[in-house]
Amino acid sequence: MPTKSVPTLLKDIRLVSEERYAVVEAVRALVNKSFKPIAEEVKYGGILFASGVPFCGVFAYKEHVSVEFSHGARIDDAHGHLEGSGKGRRHLKLMSLDDIKNKKLAQYLPLALAAAQSAG
């Protein structure tokens, strides 16, 4: 079965929730503004981002959007917003567009990329 394209996944998210769609699009815009080059791929039901190495993804759920960091356990979480307790992954749970700023996503993204690069 072929993998969904990014536009198809976005269309599906928008059909379910306009608010979740807006958050996912804002996360994508921030990632695309922050890194060059950036690649997007639909995998595991979300959009994965890579800039040389895969480093994070955005996933829309019924009640929130999650930004997952593949090597989030390696991030020094000075802001205290990361969730999760497994060996590797951590995430930011975004309930609204305001959470992108309030939970300092822009500051976590370069940390996530550095953590993925150092894990390589």
PDB file of N, CA and C in Angstrom:
ATOM      1  N   MET A   1       0.844  -1.187   0.000  1.00  0.00           N
ATOM      2  CA  MET A   1       0.000   0.000   0.000  1.00  0.00           C
ATOM      3  C   MET A   1       0.889   1.250   0.000  1.00  0.00           C
ATOM      4  N   PRO A   2       0.653   2.186  -0.915  1.00  0.00           N
ATOM      5  CA  PRO A   2       1.503   3.375  -0.978  1.00  0.00           C
ATOM      6  C   PRO A   2       1.331   4.270   0.249  1.00  0.00           C
ATOM      7  N   THR A   3       2.396   4.963   0.598  1.00  0.00           N
ATOM      8  CA  THR A   3       2.364   5.896   1.712  1.00  0.00           C
ATOM      9  C   THR A   3       1.581   7.144   1.302  1.00  0.00           C
ATOM     10  N   LYS A   4       0.857   7.711   2.253  1.00  0.00           N
ATOM     11  CA  LYS A   4       0.132   8.955   1.987  1.00  0.00           C
ATOM     12  C   LYS A   4       1.119  10.077   1.718  1.00  0.00           C
ATOM     13  N   SER A   5       0.693  11.032   0.917  1.00  0.00           N
ATOM     14  CA  SER A   5       1.497  12.226   0.701  1.00  0.00           C
ATOM     15  C   SER A   5       1.199  13.220   1.834  1.00  0.00           C
ATOM     16  N   VAL A   6       2.090  14.184   2.009  1.00  0.00           N
ATOM     17  CA  VAL A   6       1.872  15.211   3.022  1.00  0.00           C
ATOM     18  C   VAL A   6       0.559  15.959   2.763  1.00  0.00           C
ATOM     19  N   PRO A   7       0.287  16.419   1.525  1.00  0.00           N
ATOM     20  CA  PRO A   7      -0.990  17.120   1.290  1.00  0.00           C
ATOM     21  C   PRO A   7      -2.226  16.259   1.608  1.00  0.00           C
ATOM     22  N   THR A   8      -2.148  14.973   1.319  1.00  0.00           N
ATOM     23  CA  THR A   8      -3.284  14.085   1.609  1.00  0.00           C
ATOM     24  C   THR A   8      -3.492  13.951   3.113  1.00  0.00           C
ATOM     25  N   LEU A   9      -2.417  13.779   3.859  1.00  0.00           N
ATOM     26  CA  LEU A   9      -2.533  13.683   5.317  1.00  0.00           C
ATOM     27  C   LEU A   9      -3.086  14.986   5.887  1.00  0.00           C
ATOM     28  N   LEU A  10      -2.606  16.119   5.399  1.00  0.00           N
ATOM     29  CA  LEU A  10      -3.103  17.408   5.881  1.00  0.00           C
ATOM     30  C   LEU A  10      -4.596  17.574   5.608  1.00  0.00           C
ATOM     31  N   LYS A  11      -5.023  17.130   4.441  1.00  0.00           N
ATOM     32  CA  LYS A  11      -6.448  17.194   4.091  1.00  0.00           C
ATOM     33  C   LYS A  11      -7.265  16.343   5.069  1.00  0.00           C
ATOM     34  N   ASP A  12      -6.769  15.156   5.383  1.00  0.00           N
ATOM     35  CA  ASP A  12      -7.455  14.273   6.334  1.00  0.00           C
ATOM     36  C   ASP A  12      -7.539  14.908   7.721  1.00  0.00           C
ATOM     37  N   ILE A  13      -6.439  15.529   8.170  1.00  0.00           N
ATOM     38  CA  ILE A  13      -6.427  16.183   9.487  1.00  0.00           C
ATOM     39  C   ILE A  13      -7.446  17.316   9.498  1.00  0.00           C
ATOM     40  N   ARG A  14      -7.489  18.086   8.420  1.00  0.00           N
ATOM     41  CA  ARG A  14      -8.411  19.228   8.347  1.00  0.00           C
ATOM     42  C   ARG A  14      -9.866  18.777   8.395  1.00  0.00           C
ATOM     43  N   LEU A  15     -10.167  17.637   7.779  1.00  0.00           N
ATOM     44  CA  LEU A  15     -11.538  17.115   7.812  1.00  0.00           C
ATOM     45  C   LEU A  15     -11.963  16.774   9.232  1.00  0.00           C
ATOM     46  N   VAL A  16     -11.033  16.321  10.042  1.00  0.00           N
ATOM     47  CA  VAL A  16     -11.334  15.918  11.419  1.00  0.00           C
ATOM     48  C   VAL A  16     -11.387  17.123  12.352  1.00  0.00           C
ATOM     49  N   SER A  17     -10.418  18.054  12.196  1.00  0.00           N
ATOM     50  CA  SER A  17     -10.362  19.201  13.110  1.00  0.00           C
ATOM     51  C   SER A  17      -9.621  20.365  12.471  1.00  0.00           C
ATOM     52  N   GLU A  18     -10.322  21.452  12.268  1.00  0.00           N
ATOM     53  CA  GLU A  18      -9.705  22.665  11.723  1.00  0.00           C
ATOM     54  C   GLU A  18      -8.627  23.187  12.679  1.00  0.00           C
ATOM     55  N   GLU A  19      -8.880  23.086  13.984  1.00  0.00           N
ATOM     56  CA  GLU A  19      -7.916  23.575  14.978  1.00  0.00           C
ATOM     57  C   GLU A  19      -6.625  22.743  14.953  1.00  0.00           C
ATOM     58  N   ARG A  20      -6.744  21.413  14.909  1.00  0.00           N
ATOM     59  CA  ARG A  20      -5.542  20.553  14.853  1.00  0.00           C
ATOM     60  C   ARG A  20      -4.767  20.824  13.558  1.00  0.00           C
ATOM     61  N   TYR A  21      -5.499  21.006  12.470  1.00  0.00           N
ATOM     62  CA  TYR A  21      -4.874  21.320  11.179  1.00  0.00           C
ATOM     63  C   TYR A  21      -4.058  22.610  11.284  1.00  0.00           C
ATOM     64  N   ALA A  22      -4.631  23.642  11.900  1.00  0.00           N
ATOM     65  CA  ALA A  22      -3.940  24.923  12.034  1.00  0.00           C
ATOM     66  C   ALA A  22      -2.656  24.770  12.851  1.00  0.00           C
ATOM     67  N   VAL A  23      -2.693  23.967  13.908  1.00  0.00           N
ATOM     68  CA  VAL A  23      -1.503  23.747  14.736  1.00  0.00           C
ATOM     69  C   VAL A  23      -0.440  22.992  13.939  1.00  0.00           C
ATOM     70  N   VAL A  24      -0.840  21.933  13.223  1.00  0.00           N
ATOM     71  CA  VAL A  24       0.112  21.163  12.413  1.00  0.00           C
ATOM     72  C   VAL A  24       0.753  22.064  11.359  1.00  0.00           C
ATOM     73  N   GLU A  25      -0.032  22.884  10.688  1.00  0.00           N
ATOM     74  CA  GLU A  25       0.515  23.774   9.670  1.00  0.00           C
ATOM     75  C   GLU A  25       1.469  24.806  10.278  1.00  0.00           C
ATOM     76  N   ALA A  26       1.165  25.304  11.460  1.00  0.00           N
ATOM     77  CA  ALA A  26       2.048  26.263  12.127  1.00  0.00           C
ATOM     78  C   ALA A  26       3.368  25.593  12.527  1.00  0.00           C
ATOM     79  N   VAL A  27       3.305  24.353  12.978  1.00  0.00           N
ATOM     80  CA  VAL A  27       4.528  23.599  13.312  1.00  0.00           C
ATOM     81  C   VAL A  27       5.362  23.405  12.043  1.00  0.00           C
ATOM     82  N   ARG A  28       4.715  23.004  10.952  1.00  0.00           N
ATOM     83  CA  ARG A  28       5.433  22.809   9.676  1.00  0.00           C
ATOM     84  C   ARG A  28       6.104  24.104   9.232  1.00  0.00           C
ATOM     85  N   ALA A  29       5.387  25.218   9.337  1.00  0.00           N
ATOM     86  CA  ALA A  29       5.943  26.510   8.915  1.00  0.00           C
ATOM     87  C   ALA A  29       7.167  26.863   9.752  1.00  0.00           C
ATOM     88  N   LEU A  30       7.113  26.624  11.050  1.00  0.00           N
ATOM     89  CA  LEU A  30       8.237  26.920  11.935  1.00  0.00           C
ATOM     90  C   LEU A  30       9.439  26.043  11.597  1.00  0.00           C
ATOM     91  N   VAL A  31       9.205  24.763  11.379  1.00  0.00           N
ATOM     92  CA  VAL A  31      10.297  23.845  11.028  1.00  0.00           C
ATOM     93  C   VAL A  31      10.916  24.265   9.697  1.00  0.00           C
ATOM     94  N   ASN A  32      10.078  24.551   8.713  1.00  0.00           N
ATOM     95  CA  ASN A  32      10.585  24.940   7.392  1.00  0.00           C
ATOM     96  C   ASN A  32      11.345  26.267   7.425  1.00  0.00           C
ATOM     97  N   LYS A  33      10.949  27.168   8.303  1.00  0.00           N
ATOM     98  CA  LYS A  33      11.637  28.457   8.445  1.00  0.00           C
ATOM     99  C   LYS A  33      12.966  28.279   9.188  1.00  0.00           C
ATOM    100  N   SER A  34      13.033  27.302  10.076  1.00  0.00           N
ATOM    101  CA  SER A  34      14.180  27.135  10.965  1.00  0.00           C
ATOM    102  C   SER A  34      15.341  26.361  10.350  1.00  0.00           C
ATOM    103  N   PHE A  35      15.072  25.503   9.382  1.00  0.00           N
ATOM    104  CA  PHE A  35      16.114  24.614   8.866  1.00  0.00           C
ATOM    105  C   PHE A  35      16.133  24.571   7.345  1.00  0.00           C
ATOM    106  N   LYS A  36      17.331  24.580   6.791  1.00  0.00           N
ATOM    107  CA  LYS A  36      17.525  24.360   5.356  1.00  0.00           C
ATOM    108  C   LYS A  36      18.699  23.413   5.215  1.00  0.00           C
ATOM    109  N   PRO A  37      18.631  22.354   4.501  1.00  0.00           N
ATOM    110  CA  PRO A  37      17.416  21.854   3.851  1.00  0.00           C
ATOM    111  C   PRO A  37      16.534  21.138   4.868  1.00  0.00           C
ATOM    112  N   ILE A  38      15.277  20.979   4.508  1.00  0.00           N
ATOM    113  CA  ILE A  38      14.343  20.209   5.343  1.00  0.00           C
ATOM    114  C   ILE A  38      13.579  19.258   4.435  1.00  0.00           C
ATOM    115  N   ALA A  39      13.381  18.061   4.913  1.00  0.00           N
ATOM    116  CA  ALA A  39      12.595  17.068   4.164  1.00  0.00           C
ATOM    117  C   ALA A  39      11.432  16.624   5.037  1.00  0.00           C
ATOM    118  N   GLU A  40      10.287  16.405   4.407  1.00  0.00           N
ATOM    119  CA  GLU A  40       9.097  15.912   5.108  1.00  0.00           C
ATOM    120  C   GLU A  40       8.718  14.557   4.529  1.00  0.00           C
ATOM    121  N   GLU A  41       8.251  13.691   5.403  1.00  0.00           N
ATOM    122  CA  GLU A  41       7.826  12.357   4.981  1.00  0.00           C
ATOM    123  C   GLU A  41       6.677  11.910   5.869  1.00  0.00           C
ATOM    124  N   VAL A  42       5.646  11.340   5.277  1.00  0.00           N
ATOM    125  CA  VAL A  42       4.545  10.795   6.062  1.00  0.00           C
ATOM    126  C   VAL A  42       4.942   9.394   6.523  1.00  0.00           C
ATOM    127  N   LYS A  43       4.923   9.199   7.843  1.00  0.00           N
ATOM    128  CA  LYS A  43       5.288   7.914   8.423  1.00  0.00           C
ATOM    129  C   LYS A  43       4.667   7.813   9.805  1.00  0.00           C
ATOM    130  N   TYR A  44       4.244   6.631  10.180  1.00  0.00           N
ATOM    131  CA  TYR A  44       3.664   6.377  11.507  1.00  0.00           C
ATOM    132  C   TYR A  44       2.441   7.252  11.785  1.00  0.00           C
ATOM    133  N   GLY A  45       1.759   7.696  10.740  1.00  0.00           N
ATOM    134  CA  GLY A  45       0.556   8.493  10.922  1.00  0.00           C
ATOM    135  C   GLY A  45       0.795   9.975  11.134  1.00  0.00           C
ATOM    136  N   GLY A  46       2.039  10.411  10.943  1.00  0.00           N
ATOM    137  CA  GLY A  46       2.363  11.825  11.118  1.00  0.00           C
ATOM    138  C   GLY A  46       3.340  12.280  10.051  1.00  0.00           C
ATOM    139  N   ILE A  47       3.852  13.483  10.219  1.00  0.00           N
ATOM    140  CA  ILE A  47       4.829  14.034   9.287  1.00  0.00           C
ATOM    141  C   ILE A  47       6.172  14.071   9.998  1.00  0.00           C
ATOM    142  N   LEU A  48       7.147  13.353   9.440  1.00  0.00           N
ATOM    143  CA  LEU A  48       8.486  13.340  10.009  1.00  0.00           C
ATOM    144  C   LEU A  48       9.355  14.353   9.274  1.00  0.00           C
ATOM    145  N   PHE A  49      10.226  15.017  10.030  1.00  0.00           N
ATOM    146  CA  PHE A  49      11.122  16.022   9.483  1.00  0.00           C
ATOM    147  C   PHE A  49      12.566  15.548   9.587  1.00  0.00           C
ATOM    148  N   ALA A  50      13.344  15.846   8.554  1.00  0.00           N
ATOM    149  CA  ALA A  50      14.772  15.539   8.561  1.00  0.00           C
ATOM    150  C   ALA A  50      15.533  16.715   7.978  1.00  0.00           C
ATOM    151  N   SER A  51      16.691  16.987   8.556  1.00  0.00           N
ATOM    152  CA  SER A  51      17.626  17.969   8.009  1.00  0.00           C
ATOM    153  C   SER A  51      19.003  17.312   8.125  1.00  0.00           C
ATOM    154  N   GLY A  52      19.300  16.497   7.132  1.00  0.00           N
ATOM    155  CA  GLY A  52      20.486  15.656   7.210  1.00  0.00           C
ATOM    156  C   GLY A  52      20.184  14.355   7.916  1.00  0.00           C
ATOM    157  N   VAL A  53      19.570  14.445   9.095  1.00  0.00           N
ATOM    158  CA  VAL A  53      19.119  13.274   9.857  1.00  0.00           C
ATOM    159  C   VAL A  53      17.681  13.518  10.301  1.00  0.00           C
ATOM    160  N   PRO A  54      16.894  12.447  10.451  1.00  0.00           N
ATOM    161  CA  PRO A  54      15.542  12.620  11.000  1.00  0.00           C
ATOM    162  C   PRO A  54      15.649  13.095  12.453  1.00  0.00           C
ATOM    163  N   PHE A  55      14.833  14.087  12.828  1.00  0.00           N
ATOM    164  CA  PHE A  55      14.961  14.591  14.194  1.00  0.00           C
ATOM    165  C   PHE A  55      13.648  14.831  14.930  1.00  0.00           C
ATOM    166  N   CYS A  56      12.542  14.986  14.208  1.00  0.00           N
ATOM    167  CA  CYS A  56      11.271  15.159  14.912  1.00  0.00           C
ATOM    168  C   CYS A  56      10.109  14.902  13.963  1.00  0.00           C
ATOM    169  N   GLY A  57       8.923  14.870  14.530  1.00  0.00           N
ATOM    170  CA  GLY A  57       7.722  14.684  13.743  1.00  0.00           C
ATOM    171  C   GLY A  57       6.542  15.357  14.413  1.00  0.00           C
ATOM    172  N   VAL A  58       5.503  15.590  13.635  1.00  0.00           N
ATOM    173  CA  VAL A  58       4.280  16.189  14.172  1.00  0.00           C
ATOM    174  C   VAL A  58       3.119  15.234  13.898  1.00  0.00           C
ATOM    175  N   PHE A  59       2.311  15.009  14.939  1.00  0.00           N
ATOM    176  CA  PHE A  59       1.218  14.047  14.884  1.00  0.00           C
ATOM    177  C   PHE A  59      -0.044  14.688  15.443  1.00  0.00           C
ATOM    178  N   ALA A  60      -1.140  14.567  14.712  1.00  0.00           N
ATOM    179  CA  ALA A  60      -2.420  15.112  15.162  1.00  0.00           C
ATOM    180  C   ALA A  60      -3.238  14.004  15.813  1.00  0.00           C
ATOM    181  N   TYR A  61      -3.707  14.271  17.009  1.00  0.00           N
ATOM    182  CA  TYR A  61      -4.569  13.348  17.741  1.00  0.00           C
ATOM    183  C   TYR A  61      -5.926  14.010  17.965  1.00  0.00           C
ATOM    184  N   LYS A  62      -6.842  13.298  18.552  1.00  0.00           N
ATOM    185  CA  LYS A  62      -8.205  13.809  18.731  1.00  0.00           C
ATOM    186  C   LYS A  62      -8.237  15.101  19.558  1.00  0.00           C
ATOM    187  N   GLU A  63      -7.465  15.157  20.619  1.00  0.00           N
ATOM    188  CA  GLU A  63      -7.528  16.291  21.543  1.00  0.00           C
ATOM    189  C   GLU A  63      -6.317  17.213  21.503  1.00  0.00           C
ATOM    190  N   HIS A  64      -5.252  16.839  20.780  1.00  0.00           N
ATOM    191  CA  HIS A  64      -4.040  17.657  20.779  1.00  0.00           C
ATOM    192  C   HIS A  64      -3.163  17.318  19.576  1.00  0.00           C
ATOM    193  N   VAL A  65      -2.098  18.076  19.432  1.00  0.00           N
ATOM    194  CA  VAL A  65      -1.056  17.795  18.447  1.00  0.00           C
ATOM    195  C   VAL A  65       0.215  17.532  19.237  1.00  0.00           C
ATOM    196  N   SER A  66       0.961  16.528  18.831  1.00  0.00           N
ATOM    197  CA  SER A  66       2.197  16.185  19.520  1.00  0.00           C
ATOM    198  C   SER A  66       3.381  16.391  18.580  1.00  0.00           C
ATOM    199  N   VAL A  67       4.407  17.079  19.094  1.00  0.00           N
ATOM    200  CA  VAL A  67       5.668  17.189  18.370  1.00  0.00           C
ATOM    201  C   VAL A  67       6.626  16.230  19.072  1.00  0.00           C
ATOM    202  N   GLU A  68       7.005  15.183  18.342  1.00  0.00           N
ATOM    203  CA  GLU A  68       7.825  14.111  18.905  1.00  0.00           C
ATOM    204  C   GLU A  68       9.284  14.311  18.524  1.00  0.00           C
ATOM    205  N   PHE A  69      10.149  14.165  19.501  1.00  0.00           N
ATOM    206  CA  PHE A  69      11.586  14.276  19.276  1.00  0.00           C
ATOM    207  C   PHE A  69      12.210  12.894  19.416  1.00  0.00           C
ATOM    208  N   SER A  70      12.770  12.402  18.312  1.00  0.00           N
ATOM    209  CA  SER A  70      13.323  11.043  18.265  1.00  0.00           C
ATOM    210  C   SER A  70      14.351  10.782  19.360  1.00  0.00           C
ATOM    211  N   HIS A  71      15.194  11.767  19.621  1.00  0.00           N
ATOM    212  CA  HIS A  71      16.251  11.617  20.633  1.00  0.00           C
ATOM    213  C   HIS A  71      16.060  12.649  21.748  1.00  0.00           C
ATOM    214  N   GLY A  72      14.798  12.850  22.096  1.00  0.00           N
ATOM    215  CA  GLY A  72      14.447  13.875  23.079  1.00  0.00           C
ATOM    216  C   GLY A  72      15.041  13.670  24.451  1.00  0.00           C
ATOM    217  N   ALA A  73      15.344  12.428  24.827  1.00  0.00           N
ATOM    218  CA  ALA A  73      15.944  12.178  26.139  1.00  0.00           C
ATOM    219  C   ALA A  73      17.338  12.794  26.234  1.00  0.00           C
ATOM    220  N   ARG A  74      17.963  13.096  25.094  1.00  0.00           N
ATOM    221  CA  ARG A  74      19.295  13.719  25.071  1.00  0.00           C
ATOM    222  C   ARG A  74      19.222  15.249  25.213  1.00  0.00           C
ATOM    223  N   ILE A  75      18.016  15.797  25.174  1.00  0.00           N
ATOM    224  CA  ILE A  75      17.846  17.248  25.245  1.00  0.00           C
ATOM    225  C   ILE A  75      17.876  17.700  26.700  1.00  0.00           C
ATOM    226  N   ASP A  76      18.675  18.724  26.973  1.00  0.00           N
ATOM    227  CA  ASP A  76      18.676  19.357  28.288  1.00  0.00           C
ATOM    228  C   ASP A  76      17.431  20.239  28.337  1.00  0.00           C
ATOM    229  N   ASP A  77      16.429  19.810  29.077  1.00  0.00           N
ATOM    230  CA  ASP A  77      15.119  20.469  29.079  1.00  0.00           C
ATOM    231  C   ASP A  77      15.069  21.613  30.089  1.00  0.00           C
ATOM    232  N   ALA A  78      15.751  22.709  29.760  1.00  0.00           N
ATOM    233  CA  ALA A  78      15.820  23.862  30.660  1.00  0.00           C
ATOM    234  C   ALA A  78      14.449  24.499  30.897  1.00  0.00           C
ATOM    235  N   HIS A  79      13.530  24.355  29.946  1.00  0.00           N
ATOM    236  CA  HIS A  79      12.205  24.980  30.069  1.00  0.00           C
ATOM    237  C   HIS A  79      11.188  24.079  30.774  1.00  0.00           C
ATOM    238  N   GLY A  80      11.477  22.791  30.861  1.00  0.00           N
ATOM    239  CA  GLY A  80      10.595  21.863  31.578  1.00  0.00           C
ATOM    240  C   GLY A  80       9.294  21.518  30.876  1.00  0.00           C
ATOM    241  N   HIS A  81       9.239  21.644  29.548  1.00  0.00           N
ATOM    242  CA  HIS A  81       7.999  21.361  28.828  1.00  0.00           C
ATOM    243  C   HIS A  81       7.950  19.965  28.199  1.00  0.00           C
ATOM    244  N   LEU A  82       9.079  19.287  28.104  1.00  0.00           N
ATOM    245  CA  LEU A  82       9.085  17.979  27.450  1.00  0.00           C
ATOM    246  C   LEU A  82       8.363  16.947  28.293  1.00  0.00           C
ATOM    247  N   GLU A  83       7.611  16.090  27.616  1.00  0.00           N
ATOM    248  CA  GLU A  83       6.901  15.002  28.284  1.00  0.00           C
ATOM    249  C   GLU A  83       7.451  13.679  27.789  1.00  0.00           C
ATOM    250  N   GLY A  84       7.279  12.638  28.603  1.00  0.00           N
ATOM    251  CA  GLY A  84       7.726  11.303  28.244  1.00  0.00           C
ATOM    252  C   GLY A  84       8.827  10.847  29.178  1.00  0.00           C
ATOM    253  N   SER A  85       8.928   9.531  29.328  1.00  0.00           N
ATOM    254  CA  SER A  85       9.909   9.000  30.268  1.00  0.00           C
ATOM    255  C   SER A  85      10.635   7.770  29.732  1.00  0.00           C
ATOM    256  N   GLY A  86      10.471   7.493  28.445  1.00  0.00           N
ATOM    257  CA  GLY A  86      11.138   6.329  27.860  1.00  0.00           C
ATOM    258  C   GLY A  86      12.624   6.563  27.683  1.00  0.00           C
ATOM    259  N   LYS A  87      13.299   5.574  27.106  1.00  0.00           N
ATOM    260  CA  LYS A  87      14.748   5.649  26.901  1.00  0.00           C
ATOM    261  C   LYS A  87      15.152   6.751  25.941  1.00  0.00           C
ATOM    262  N   GLY A  88      14.340   6.993  24.900  1.00  0.00           N
ATOM    263  CA  GLY A  88      14.790   7.895  23.850  1.00  0.00           C
ATOM    264  C   GLY A  88      13.908   9.084  23.551  1.00  0.00           C
ATOM    265  N   ARG A  89      12.630   8.831  23.326  1.00  0.00           N
ATOM    266  CA  ARG A  89      11.742   9.882  22.813  1.00  0.00           C
ATOM    267  C   ARG A  89      11.224  10.806  23.912  1.00  0.00           C
ATOM    268  N   ARG A  90      10.937  12.038  23.489  1.00  0.00           N
ATOM    269  CA  ARG A  90      10.218  13.007  24.310  1.00  0.00           C
ATOM    270  C   ARG A  90       9.292  13.767  23.366  1.00  0.00           C
ATOM    271  N   HIS A  91       8.289  14.426  23.931  1.00  0.00           N
ATOM    272  CA  HIS A  91       7.358  15.168  23.087  1.00  0.00           C
ATOM    273  C   HIS A  91       6.842  16.417  23.787  1.00  0.00           C
ATOM    274  N   LEU A  92       6.335  17.321  22.962  1.00  0.00           N
ATOM    275  CA  LEU A  92       5.611  18.489  23.426  1.00  0.00           C
ATOM    276  C   LEU A  92       4.163  18.302  23.010  1.00  0.00           C
ATOM    277  N   LYS A  93       3.266  18.435  23.944  1.00  0.00           N
ATOM    278  CA  LYS A  93       1.837  18.313  23.661  1.00  0.00           C
ATOM    279  C   LYS A  93       1.281  19.720  23.452  1.00  0.00           C
ATOM    280  N   LEU A  94       0.743  19.948  22.264  1.00  0.00           N
ATOM    281  CA  LEU A  94       0.206  21.257  21.902  1.00  0.00           C
ATOM    282  C   LEU A  94      -1.312  21.187  21.831  1.00  0.00           C
ATOM    283  N   MET A  95      -1.966  21.963  22.666  1.00  0.00           N
ATOM    284  CA  MET A  95      -3.425  21.981  22.693  1.00  0.00           C
ATOM    285  C   MET A  95      -4.000  23.094  21.815  1.00  0.00           C
ATOM    286  N   SER A  96      -3.161  24.097  21.491  1.00  0.00           N
ATOM    287  CA  SER A  96      -3.630  25.257  20.724  1.00  0.00           C
ATOM    288  C   SER A  96      -2.435  25.893  20.021  1.00  0.00           C
ATOM    289  N   LEU A  97      -2.725  26.849  19.138  1.00  0.00           N
ATOM    290  CA  LEU A  97      -1.657  27.597  18.467  1.00  0.00           C
ATOM    291  C   LEU A  97      -0.779  28.327  19.480  1.00  0.00           C
ATOM    292  N   ASP A  98      -1.375  28.834  20.558  1.00  0.00           N
ATOM    293  CA  ASP A  98      -0.603  29.550  21.582  1.00  0.00           C
ATOM    294  C   ASP A  98       0.468  28.674  22.217  1.00  0.00           C
ATOM    295  N   ASP A  99       0.219  27.373  22.303  1.00  0.00           N
ATOM    296  CA  ASP A  99       1.190  26.472  22.921  1.00  0.00           C
ATOM    297  C   ASP A  99       2.504  26.400  22.145  1.00  0.00           C
ATOM    298  N   ILE A 100       2.469  26.693  20.856  1.00  0.00           N
ATOM    299  CA  ILE A 100       3.708  26.680  20.069  1.00  0.00           C
ATOM    300  C   ILE A 100       4.687  27.687  20.660  1.00  0.00           C
ATOM    301  N   LYS A 101       4.183  28.863  21.003  1.00  0.00           N
ATOM    302  CA  LYS A 101       5.023  29.894  21.618  1.00  0.00           C
ATOM    303  C   LYS A 101       5.209  29.622  23.111  1.00  0.00           C
ATOM    304  N   ASN A 102       4.123  29.323  23.808  1.00  0.00           N
ATOM    305  CA  ASN A 102       4.172  29.136  25.256  1.00  0.00           C
ATOM    306  C   ASN A 102       5.104  27.997  25.676  1.00  0.00           C
ATOM    307  N   LYS A 103       5.168  26.947  24.858  1.00  0.00           N
ATOM    308  CA  LYS A 103       6.025  25.800  25.183  1.00  0.00           C
ATOM    309  C   LYS A 103       7.370  25.870  24.458  1.00  0.00           C
ATOM    310  N   LYS A 104       7.649  27.025  23.854  1.00  0.00           N
ATOM    311  CA  LYS A 104       8.964  27.344  23.280  1.00  0.00           C
ATOM    312  C   LYS A 104       9.452  26.342  22.229  1.00  0.00           C
ATOM    313  N   LEU A 105       8.536  25.921  21.356  1.00  0.00           N
ATOM    314  CA  LEU A 105       8.893  24.953  20.321  1.00  0.00           C
ATOM    315  C   LEU A 105      10.098  25.413  19.508  1.00  0.00           C
ATOM    316  N   ALA A 106      10.157  26.699  19.162  1.00  0.00           N
ATOM    317  CA  ALA A 106      11.261  27.210  18.339  1.00  0.00           C
ATOM    318  C   ALA A 106      12.616  26.981  19.007  1.00  0.00           C
ATOM    319  N   GLN A 107      12.641  26.969  20.334  1.00  0.00           N
ATOM    320  CA  GLN A 107      13.902  26.746  21.043  1.00  0.00           C
ATOM    321  C   GLN A 107      14.235  25.255  21.144  1.00  0.00           C
ATOM    322  N   TYR A 108      13.221  24.401  21.142  1.00  0.00           N
ATOM    323  CA  TYR A 108      13.471  22.957  21.223  1.00  0.00           C
ATOM    324  C   TYR A 108      13.936  22.364  19.894  1.00  0.00           C
ATOM    325  N   LEU A 109      13.500  22.938  18.770  1.00  0.00           N
ATOM    326  CA  LEU A 109      13.819  22.338  17.470  1.00  0.00           C
ATOM    327  C   LEU A 109      15.318  22.193  17.212  1.00  0.00           C
ATOM    328  N   PRO A 110      16.135  23.247  17.392  1.00  0.00           N
ATOM    329  CA  PRO A 110      17.569  23.055  17.158  1.00  0.00           C
ATOM    330  C   PRO A 110      18.196  22.074  18.152  1.00  0.00           C
ATOM    331  N   LEU A 111      17.671  22.026  19.365  1.00  0.00           N
ATOM    332  CA  LEU A 111      18.165  21.062  20.350  1.00  0.00           C
ATOM    333  C   LEU A 111      17.862  19.631  19.897  1.00  0.00           C
ATOM    334  N   ALA A 112      16.673  19.447  19.314  1.00  0.00           N
ATOM    335  CA  ALA A 112      16.280  18.128  18.823  1.00  0.00           C
ATOM    336  C   ALA A 112      17.172  17.697  17.657  1.00  0.00           C
ATOM    337  N   LEU A 113      17.475  18.624  16.759  1.00  0.00           N
ATOM    338  CA  LEU A 113      18.346  18.295  15.645  1.00  0.00           C
ATOM    339  C   LEU A 113      19.748  17.961  16.151  1.00  0.00           C
ATOM    340  N   ALA A 114      20.285  18.743  17.074  1.00  0.00           N
ATOM    341  CA  ALA A 114      21.614  18.478  17.634  1.00  0.00           C
ATOM    342  C   ALA A 114      21.641  17.116  18.333  1.00  0.00           C
ATOM    343  N   ALA A 115      20.573  16.781  19.058  1.00  0.00           N
ATOM    344  CA  ALA A 115      20.508  15.481  19.746  1.00  0.00           C
ATOM    345  C   ALA A 115      20.501  14.337  18.740  1.00  0.00           C
ATOM    346  N   ALA A 116      19.780  14.500  17.638  1.00  0.00           N
ATOM    347  CA  ALA A 116      19.730  13.460  16.611  1.00  0.00           C
ATOM    348  C   ALA A 116      21.092  13.332  15.918  1.00  0.00           C
ATOM    349  N   GLN A 117      21.739  14.451  15.666  1.00  0.00           N
ATOM    350  CA  GLN A 117      23.052  14.420  15.011  1.00  0.00           C
ATOM    351  C   GLN A 117      24.095  13.747  15.910  1.00  0.00           C
ATOM    352  N   SER A 118      24.025  13.998  17.199  1.00  0.00           N
ATOM    353  CA  SER A 118      25.013  13.412  18.117  1.00  0.00           C
ATOM    354  C   SER A 118      24.756  11.923  18.353  1.00  0.00           C
ATOM    355  N   ALA A 119      23.525  11.488  18.088  1.00  0.00           N
ATOM    356  CA  ALA A 119      23.192  10.064  18.254  1.00  0.00           C
ATOM    357  C   ALA A 119      23.682   9.228  17.078  1.00  0.00           C
ATOM    358  N   GLY A 120      23.884   9.930  15.921  1.00  0.00           N
ATOM    359  CA  GLY A 120      24.222   9.295  14.664  1.00  0.00           C
ATOM    360  C   GLY A 120      25.356   8.355  14.736  1.00  0.00           C
TER     361      GLY A 120
END
